[in-house]
Amino acid sequence: MQATLGCMSLSGVHPMKQLALALLLCSSFSLNGAESIKTLRAAIGDYPPYTQCESDELNLPANLATEIVGVALKSQGVELEISCYPWARVERLVETGVIDISFPYVHSDERAKRLAFIPMPVQTDTVLFYRKNMEAVPVTFESLSRYRLGGTLGYHYGALFDALDAANKVGWVPTDKQNFKKLLRGRIDFFPLSFHVGYYVLSQFPAYQRATITNLPTPIMVKKFNVIVAKDSPKLPAIRKLIEKGFETIRSSGELSRIQDNYLAPGS
């Protein structure tokens, strides 16, 4: 018979010794595997300014998450190899071990059944964009329910927006760019989007239009981003050790702040 235990398979070993030997060898990989990894393969899709596969004409920084992970790994002597795929394929490639990691992902109970999460020093703050000639309002149901709100199909904005949508206060369109156009034309008063994504999309508009839009300071939702790894990957302990140590290294050196400052919206 052949026994399979976590990080390896055993054959030709007395059954009574298989468990102890497998645990010993797996433990050795967990302790020393980080030093043996020289390259990690990552799959990403387009999600500027966090990740970008297809170039555009904006010539703006559009790889915040990619830069952070790449620089963190480089600080540990590991190269990051990037491959681009549709997001629908990325999780499966990681889950099956074809690819080592992906990012940036928000934790969910469903994903946690198959994937391990390594927290990134990046979060996505979903804020409400509005025209500067309007009054800033508290981020509450009572205040926002008096206004025309926009949403982008396929997004989930949290409990507050769920309640506003249930009260028929939200009009939905297919893209974030359409919502900015509606906002500029006065057809809606507020619409939610990730802070960084919002200002990246807004950068595609003329300067005179960009200057009329701002955001409420209070987020309606805050989510931490993560690096994902297959839960049953034998390299998981080593990958976690490398990435966590890399994040701590660039945080301590100030490199993390330098990268993040490059992605701040003008005037923020």
Protein backbone atom coordinates (compact mmCIF):
# COMPACT_ATOMS: atom_id res chain seq x y z
CA MET A 1 0.00 0.00 0.00
CA GLN A 2 1.01 3.61 -0.48
CA ALA A 3 0.27 6.27 2.12
CA THR A 4 -0.19 9.94 1.25
CA LEU A 5 0.29 12.50 3.96
CA GLY A 6 -0.03 16.21 3.24
CA CYS A 7 3.25 17.14 1.66
CA MET A 8 4.40 13.77 0.28
CA SER A 9 3.63 10.12 -0.62
CA LEU A 10 5.34 7.10 0.95
CA SER A 11 5.79 3.64 -0.50
CA GLY A 12 7.92 0.70 0.53
CA VAL A 13 7.92 1.85 4.15
CA HIS A 14 6.56 -0.21 7.03
CA PRO A 15 3.06 1.11 7.81
CA MET A 16 3.92 1.73 11.47
CA LYS A 17 6.75 4.06 10.41
CA GLN A 18 4.93 5.93 7.66
CA LEU A 19 3.21 8.50 9.86
CA ALA A 20 6.31 9.44 11.85
CA LEU A 21 8.52 9.63 8.77
CA ALA A 22 6.03 11.70 6.78
CA LEU A 23 5.58 14.16 9.61
CA LEU A 24 9.34 14.48 10.05
CA LEU A 25 9.96 15.14 6.37
CA CYS A 26 7.04 17.54 6.00
CA SER A 27 8.20 19.44 9.07
CA SER A 28 11.68 19.69 7.57
CA PHE A 29 10.21 21.19 4.37
CA SER A 30 8.16 23.66 6.37
CA LEU A 31 11.24 24.85 8.24
CA ASN A 32 13.70 24.93 5.35
CA GLY A 33 11.46 25.24 2.30
CA ALA A 34 11.47 29.04 2.34
CA GLU A 35 15.21 29.04 1.72
CA SER A 36 14.83 26.67 -1.26
CA ILE A 37 12.24 28.78 -3.10
CA LYS A 38 13.82 31.11 -5.63
CA THR A 39 10.78 31.89 -7.80
CA LEU A 40 7.05 32.13 -7.18
CA ARG A 41 4.51 32.01 -9.99
CA ALA A 42 1.56 34.37 -9.71
CA ALA A 43 -1.60 34.64 -11.79
CA ILE A 44 -3.44 37.95 -11.95
CA GLY A 45 -6.12 39.66 -14.00
CA ASP A 46 -6.81 43.30 -14.78
CA TYR A 47 -7.84 45.33 -11.73
CA PRO A 48 -6.05 48.68 -12.02
CA PRO A 49 -4.55 50.27 -10.09
CA TYR A 50 -3.94 47.12 -8.03
CA THR A 51 -3.02 44.82 -10.93
CA GLN A 52 -2.75 45.47 -14.65
CA CYS A 53 -2.25 43.13 -17.59
CA GLU A 54 -3.42 45.17 -20.57
CA SER A 55 -1.55 48.41 -21.13
CA ASP A 56 -3.46 51.63 -21.70
CA GLU A 57 -2.67 55.16 -22.80
CA LEU A 58 -2.88 56.73 -19.35
CA ASN A 59 0.74 56.04 -18.43
CA LEU A 60 -0.26 55.97 -14.77
CA PRO A 61 0.93 53.62 -12.01
CA ALA A 62 -1.50 50.70 -12.12
CA ASN A 63 0.12 47.82 -10.22
CA LEU A 64 -0.03 48.70 -6.53
CA ALA A 65 -0.57 45.11 -5.31
CA THR A 66 1.89 43.66 -7.83
CA GLU A 67 4.60 46.11 -6.78
CA ILE A 68 4.12 45.40 -3.09
CA VAL A 69 4.24 41.61 -3.48
CA GLY A 70 7.12 41.74 -5.95
CA VAL A 71 9.28 44.06 -3.82
CA ALA A 72 8.49 42.06 -0.65
CA LEU A 73 9.59 38.81 -2.30
CA LYS A 74 12.67 40.42 -3.80
CA SER A 75 13.72 41.47 -0.30
CA GLN A 76 13.81 37.74 0.50
CA GLY A 77 15.77 36.81 -2.62
CA VAL A 78 12.72 35.48 -4.50
CA GLU A 79 11.64 36.50 -8.00
CA LEU A 80 7.96 36.94 -8.86
CA GLU A 81 6.83 35.57 -12.23
CA ILE A 82 3.54 37.08 -13.41
CA SER A 83 1.07 35.44 -15.81
CA CYS A 84 -2.16 37.09 -16.89
CA TYR A 85 -5.50 35.29 -17.14
CA PRO A 86 -9.20 36.14 -16.93
CA TRP A 87 -10.10 36.42 -13.24
CA ALA A 88 -12.58 33.58 -13.64
CA ARG A 89 -9.65 31.18 -14.21
CA VAL A 90 -7.22 32.52 -11.64
CA GLU A 91 -8.65 30.89 -8.50
CA ARG A 92 -8.78 27.50 -10.16
CA LEU A 93 -5.16 27.76 -11.31
CA VAL A 94 -4.08 28.49 -7.74
CA GLU A 95 -6.34 25.86 -6.20
CA THR A 96 -4.96 23.11 -8.46
CA GLY A 97 -1.33 24.13 -7.94
CA VAL A 98 -0.68 25.14 -11.54
CA ILE A 99 0.14 28.59 -10.15
CA ASP A 100 1.60 29.28 -6.68
CA ILE A 101 -0.20 32.48 -5.66
CA SER A 102 -2.57 35.24 -6.69
CA PHE A 103 -3.63 38.61 -5.31
CA PRO A 104 -5.38 40.81 -4.30
CA TYR A 105 -8.26 38.77 -2.87
CA VAL A 106 -10.84 39.50 -0.20
CA HIS A 107 -11.49 36.70 2.29
CA SER A 108 -14.76 34.78 2.04
CA ASP A 109 -15.97 31.67 3.84
CA GLU A 110 -16.50 29.88 0.53
CA ARG A 111 -12.95 30.58 -0.68
CA ALA A 112 -11.52 29.60 2.70
CA LYS A 113 -12.64 26.01 2.10
CA ARG A 114 -10.07 25.72 -0.71
CA LEU A 115 -7.58 28.51 -0.26
CA ALA A 116 -5.27 29.89 2.42
CA PHE A 117 -5.08 33.65 2.93
CA ILE A 118 -1.95 35.67 3.68
CA PRO A 119 -2.91 39.25 4.70
CA MET A 120 -1.42 42.03 2.60
CA PRO A 121 -0.56 45.51 3.90
CA VAL A 122 -3.23 46.82 1.53
CA GLN A 123 -6.92 47.36 2.09
CA THR A 124 -9.72 48.49 -0.16
CA ASP A 125 -11.77 51.37 1.22
CA THR A 126 -15.07 51.73 -0.60
CA VAL A 127 -16.02 55.41 -0.53
CA LEU A 128 -18.84 57.49 -1.97
CA PHE A 129 -17.94 59.80 -4.85
CA TYR A 130 -19.94 62.99 -5.40
CA ARG A 131 -19.79 66.42 -7.02
CA LYS A 132 -17.99 69.14 -5.11
CA ASN A 133 -20.91 71.53 -5.53
CA MET A 134 -23.02 69.24 -3.34
CA GLU A 135 -23.17 69.10 0.42
CA ALA A 136 -21.16 66.35 2.15
CA VAL A 137 -23.51 64.13 4.16
CA PRO A 138 -23.11 61.54 6.92
CA VAL A 139 -22.73 57.96 5.70
CA THR A 140 -26.04 56.73 7.13
CA PHE A 141 -29.21 55.24 5.69
CA GLU A 142 -31.25 58.26 6.77
CA SER A 143 -28.97 60.74 5.03
CA LEU A 144 -28.26 58.81 1.83
CA SER A 145 -31.84 57.68 1.28
CA ARG A 146 -32.70 61.29 0.33
CA TYR A 147 -30.41 61.17 -2.71
CA ARG A 148 -30.10 59.42 -6.08
CA LEU A 149 -27.51 56.67 -5.81
CA GLY A 150 -25.65 54.68 -8.44
CA GLY A 151 -24.14 51.20 -8.34
CA THR A 152 -22.15 49.03 -10.73
CA LEU A 153 -23.53 45.61 -11.62
CA GLY A 154 -21.54 42.74 -10.13
CA TYR A 155 -20.30 44.69 -7.11
CA HIS A 156 -21.30 44.19 -3.48
CA TYR A 157 -21.01 47.30 -1.31
CA GLY A 158 -21.94 45.97 2.12
CA ALA A 159 -24.94 46.06 4.42
CA LEU A 160 -25.69 49.80 4.18
CA PHE A 161 -25.96 49.72 0.40
CA ASP A 162 -27.95 46.48 0.54
CA ALA A 163 -30.54 48.31 2.66
CA LEU A 164 -30.58 51.30 0.30
CA ASP A 165 -30.99 49.01 -2.69
CA ALA A 166 -33.86 47.17 -0.99
CA ALA A 167 -35.52 50.58 -0.57
CA ASN A 168 -35.18 51.17 -4.35
CA LYS A 169 -32.71 54.01 -3.90
CA VAL A 170 -30.02 52.62 -6.23
CA GLY A 171 -29.84 52.66 -10.02
CA TRP A 172 -27.49 50.07 -11.54
CA VAL A 173 -25.30 50.29 -14.67
CA PRO A 174 -22.69 47.91 -16.14
CA THR A 175 -19.48 49.92 -15.56
CA ASP A 176 -17.85 52.33 -13.12
CA LYS A 177 -17.11 54.73 -15.98
CA GLN A 178 -20.83 54.96 -16.75
CA ASN A 179 -21.50 55.88 -13.14
CA PHE A 180 -18.93 58.67 -13.26
CA LYS A 181 -20.60 59.99 -16.43
CA LYS A 182 -23.97 59.95 -14.67
CA LEU A 183 -22.43 61.72 -11.68
CA LEU A 184 -20.86 64.42 -13.87
CA ARG A 185 -24.17 64.99 -15.67
CA GLY A 186 -26.09 65.28 -12.41
CA ARG A 187 -28.18 62.15 -12.99
CA ILE A 188 -27.02 60.62 -9.69
CA ASP A 189 -25.70 62.23 -6.52
CA PHE A 190 -23.44 59.55 -5.00
CA PHE A 191 -21.94 56.26 -6.05
CA PRO A 192 -19.56 53.89 -4.25
CA LEU A 193 -16.23 52.58 -5.48
CA SER A 194 -12.86 51.54 -4.08
CA PHE A 195 -10.83 54.71 -3.38
CA HIS A 196 -7.87 53.75 -5.57
CA VAL A 197 -9.96 52.23 -8.35
CA GLY A 198 -12.24 55.28 -8.35
CA TYR A 199 -9.44 57.78 -8.87
CA TYR A 200 -7.86 55.55 -11.51
CA VAL A 201 -11.12 55.45 -13.48
CA LEU A 202 -11.61 59.20 -12.93
CA SER A 203 -8.16 59.85 -14.41
CA GLN A 204 -9.59 58.82 -17.80
CA PHE A 205 -11.76 61.97 -17.82
CA PRO A 206 -10.62 65.49 -18.78
CA ALA A 207 -8.98 67.53 -16.04
CA TYR A 208 -11.83 70.05 -15.84
CA GLN A 209 -14.28 67.20 -15.12
CA ARG A 210 -11.98 65.46 -12.63
CA ALA A 211 -11.72 68.69 -10.69
CA THR A 212 -15.47 68.65 -9.95
CA ILE A 213 -15.49 65.23 -8.22
CA THR A 214 -14.40 64.24 -4.73
CA ASN A 215 -15.26 61.56 -2.17
CA LEU A 216 -16.76 61.42 1.30
CA PRO A 217 -13.99 60.70 3.84
CA THR A 218 -15.89 57.96 5.68
CA PRO A 219 -15.80 54.58 3.88
CA ILE A 220 -19.01 52.58 3.57
CA MET A 221 -16.95 49.37 3.60
CA VAL A 222 -13.34 48.41 4.38
CA LYS A 223 -11.85 45.08 3.32
CA LYS A 224 -8.34 43.69 3.70
CA PHE A 225 -6.62 42.27 0.64
CA ASN A 226 -4.81 38.94 0.74
CA VAL A 227 -2.43 36.74 -1.19
CA ILE A 228 -4.08 33.37 -1.86
CA VAL A 229 -2.38 29.94 -1.91
CA ALA A 230 -3.89 26.49 -2.35
CA LYS A 231 -4.82 25.21 1.11
CA ASP A 232 -3.31 21.78 0.42
CA SER A 233 -0.12 23.08 -1.24
CA PRO A 234 3.00 21.45 0.27
CA LYS A 235 4.72 24.81 -0.21
CA LEU A 236 2.14 26.75 1.83
CA PRO A 237 4.19 27.04 5.07
CA ALA A 238 7.28 28.19 3.14
CA ILE A 239 5.32 30.64 0.97
CA ARG A 240 3.57 32.10 4.02
CA LYS A 241 6.90 32.54 5.81
CA LEU A 242 8.50 34.27 2.81
CA ILE A 243 5.63 36.63 2.13
CA GLU A 244 5.00 37.60 5.75
CA LYS A 245 8.72 38.24 6.31
CA GLY A 246 8.90 40.20 3.06
CA PHE A 247 5.97 42.42 4.02
CA GLU A 248 7.56 43.11 7.40
CA THR A 249 10.91 43.93 5.75
CA ILE A 250 9.48 46.52 3.35
CA ARG A 251 7.30 47.99 6.08
CA SER A 252 10.31 48.48 8.36
CA SER A 253 12.53 49.88 5.60
CA GLY A 254 9.96 52.46 4.46
CA GLU A 255 9.72 50.92 0.99
CA LEU A 256 6.05 50.06 1.53
CA SER A 257 5.18 53.71 2.27
CA ARG A 258 7.11 54.85 -0.81
CA ILE A 259 5.10 52.51 -3.05
CA GLN A 260 1.77 53.47 -1.48
CA ASP A 261 2.52 57.20 -1.75
CA ASN A 262 2.89 56.78 -5.50
CA TYR A 263 -0.78 55.76 -5.69
CA LEU A 264 -2.36 58.52 -3.62
CA ALA A 265 -5.02 60.56 -5.36
CA PRO A 266 -4.06 64.19 -6.05
CA GLY A 267 -4.56 66.31 -2.98
CA SER A 268 -5.16 63.32 -0.70
